[in-house]
C-alpha atoms as a PDB file:
ATOM      1  CA  MET A   1      11.930   6.656  -5.438  1.00  0.00           C
ATOM      2  CA  SER A   2       9.088   3.692  -6.743  1.00  0.00           C
ATOM      3  CA  LEU A   3      10.024   4.832 -10.152  1.00  0.00           C
ATOM      4  CA  ILE A   4      13.455   3.536  -9.920  1.00  0.00           C
ATOM      5  CA  MET A   5      13.000   0.522  -8.073  1.00  0.00           C
ATOM      6  CA  SER A   6       9.965  -0.473 -10.565  1.00  0.00           C
ATOM      7  CA  PHE A   7      12.043   0.334 -13.767  1.00  0.00           C
ATOM      8  CA  ILE A   8      14.879  -1.540 -12.702  1.00  0.00           C
ATOM      9  CA  MET A   9      13.312  -4.881 -10.994  1.00  0.00           C
ATOM     10  CA  SER A  10      10.562  -5.053 -13.943  1.00  0.00           C
ATOM     11  CA  PHE A  11      13.696  -5.363 -15.956  1.00  0.00           C
ATOM     12  CA  ILE A  12      15.534  -7.448 -14.250  1.00  0.00           C
ATOM     13  CA  ILE A  13      12.932  -9.781 -14.105  1.00  0.00           C
ATOM     14  CA  THR A  14      11.189  -9.518 -17.210  1.00  0.00           C
ATOM     15  CA  TYR A  15      14.845 -10.713 -18.492  1.00  0.00           C
ATOM     16  CA  ILE A  16      15.210 -13.673 -15.557  1.00  0.00           C
ATOM     17  CA  ASN A  17      11.858 -15.002 -17.441  1.00  0.00           C
ATOM     18  CA  LEU A  18      12.353 -14.263 -20.894  1.00  0.00           C
ATOM     19  CA  ASP A  19      15.525 -12.971 -21.503  1.00  0.00           C
ATOM     20  CA  PHE A  20      16.331 -11.030 -24.895  1.00  0.00           C
ATOM     21  CA  VAL A  21      13.109 -11.679 -27.007  1.00  0.00           C
ATOM     22  CA  ASP A  22      11.179  -9.945 -29.838  1.00  0.00           C
ATOM     23  CA  GLY A  23       9.347  -7.356 -28.274  1.00  0.00           C
ATOM     24  CA  PHE A  24      10.736  -7.811 -24.923  1.00  0.00           C
ATOM     25  CA  VAL A  25      10.801  -3.462 -24.744  1.00  0.00           C
ATOM     26  CA  LEU A  26       7.149  -3.663 -24.986  1.00  0.00           C
ATOM     27  CA  ILE A  27       7.092  -6.770 -22.686  1.00  0.00           C
ATOM     28  CA  TRP A  28       9.067  -4.679 -19.947  1.00  0.00           C
ATOM     29  CA  LEU A  29       7.473  -1.535 -20.525  1.00  0.00           C
ATOM     30  CA  GLU A  30       4.148  -2.947 -19.392  1.00  0.00           C
ATOM     31  CA  ALA A  31       5.857  -4.905 -16.745  1.00  0.00           C
ATOM     32  CA  PHE A  32       7.368  -1.268 -15.922  1.00  0.00           C
ATOM     33  CA  ILE A  33       3.836   0.244 -15.843  1.00  0.00           C
ATOM     34  CA  LYS A  34       1.707  -2.768 -13.495  1.00  0.00           C
ATOM     35  CA  ALA A  35       5.198  -2.697 -10.711  1.00  0.00           C
ATOM     36  CA  PHE A  36       4.999   1.491 -10.751  1.00  0.00           C
ATOM     37  CA  ALA A  37       1.467   1.235 -10.017  1.00  0.00           C
ATOM     38  CA  CYS A  38       2.139  -1.045  -6.740  1.00  0.00           C
ATOM     39  CA  ALA A  39       5.368   0.001  -5.763  1.00  0.00           C
ATOM     40  CA  PHE A  40       3.948   4.002  -5.088  1.00  0.00           C
ATOM     41  CA  PRO A  41       0.909   3.970  -3.277  1.00  0.00           C
ATOM     42  CA  ILE A  42       3.766   1.296  -1.408  1.00  0.00           C
ATOM     43  CA  ILE A  43       6.374   3.361  -0.789  1.00  0.00           C
ATOM     44  CA  PHE A  44       4.074   6.346  -0.044  1.00  0.00           C
ATOM     45  CA  VAL A  45       2.447   4.441   2.921  1.00  0.00           C
ATOM     46  CA  ILE A  46       5.767   2.625   4.165  1.00  0.00           C
ATOM     47  CA  ALA A  47       8.021   5.685   3.821  1.00  0.00           C
ATOM     48  CA  PRO A  48       7.119   6.993   6.551  1.00  0.00           C
ATOM     49  CA  VAL A  49       6.836   4.401   8.718  1.00  0.00           C
ATOM     50  CA  VAL A  50      10.653   3.083   7.926  1.00  0.00           C
ATOM     51  CA  HIS A  51      11.606   6.948   8.437  1.00  0.00           C
ATOM     52  CA  LYS A  52      10.681   6.766  11.967  1.00  0.00           C
ATOM     53  CA  ILE A  53      12.305   3.971  12.825  1.00  0.00           C
ATOM     54  CA  VAL A  54      15.589   5.037  10.969  1.00  0.00           C
ATOM     55  CA  HIS A  55      15.064   7.989  13.046  1.00  0.00           C
ATOM     56  CA  LYS A  56      14.365   6.271  16.631  1.00  0.00           C
ATOM     57  CA  LEU A  57      17.699   3.880  15.574  1.00  0.00           C
ATOM     58  CA  ILE A  58      20.261   6.685  14.778  1.00  0.00           C
ATOM     59  CA  VAL A  59      19.228   8.600  18.021  1.00  0.00           C
ATOM     60  CA  LYS A  60      20.038   6.185  20.088  1.00  0.00           C
ATOM     61  CA  ILE A  61      23.588   5.661  18.462  1.00  0.00           C
END
C-alpha cells in the first residue's frame, strides 16, 4: 500500500511543482524514494489502528 501510494503521489506532486522538465524521471524517483521511506513506517504503524476502527464500525452496521 505504501509503495503504490508513494509512487503515484510523488509523481503527481513532482509534476505539479515542475511540469515535465529535463531530468524529470530522476527527480521523481528521488522524491519517490524519500516518500516511500516516510510512508512505509507510517503505514506499518497506522494500518492496524485503522483496521480496528473499521472493524468496530462494520460490526455496528
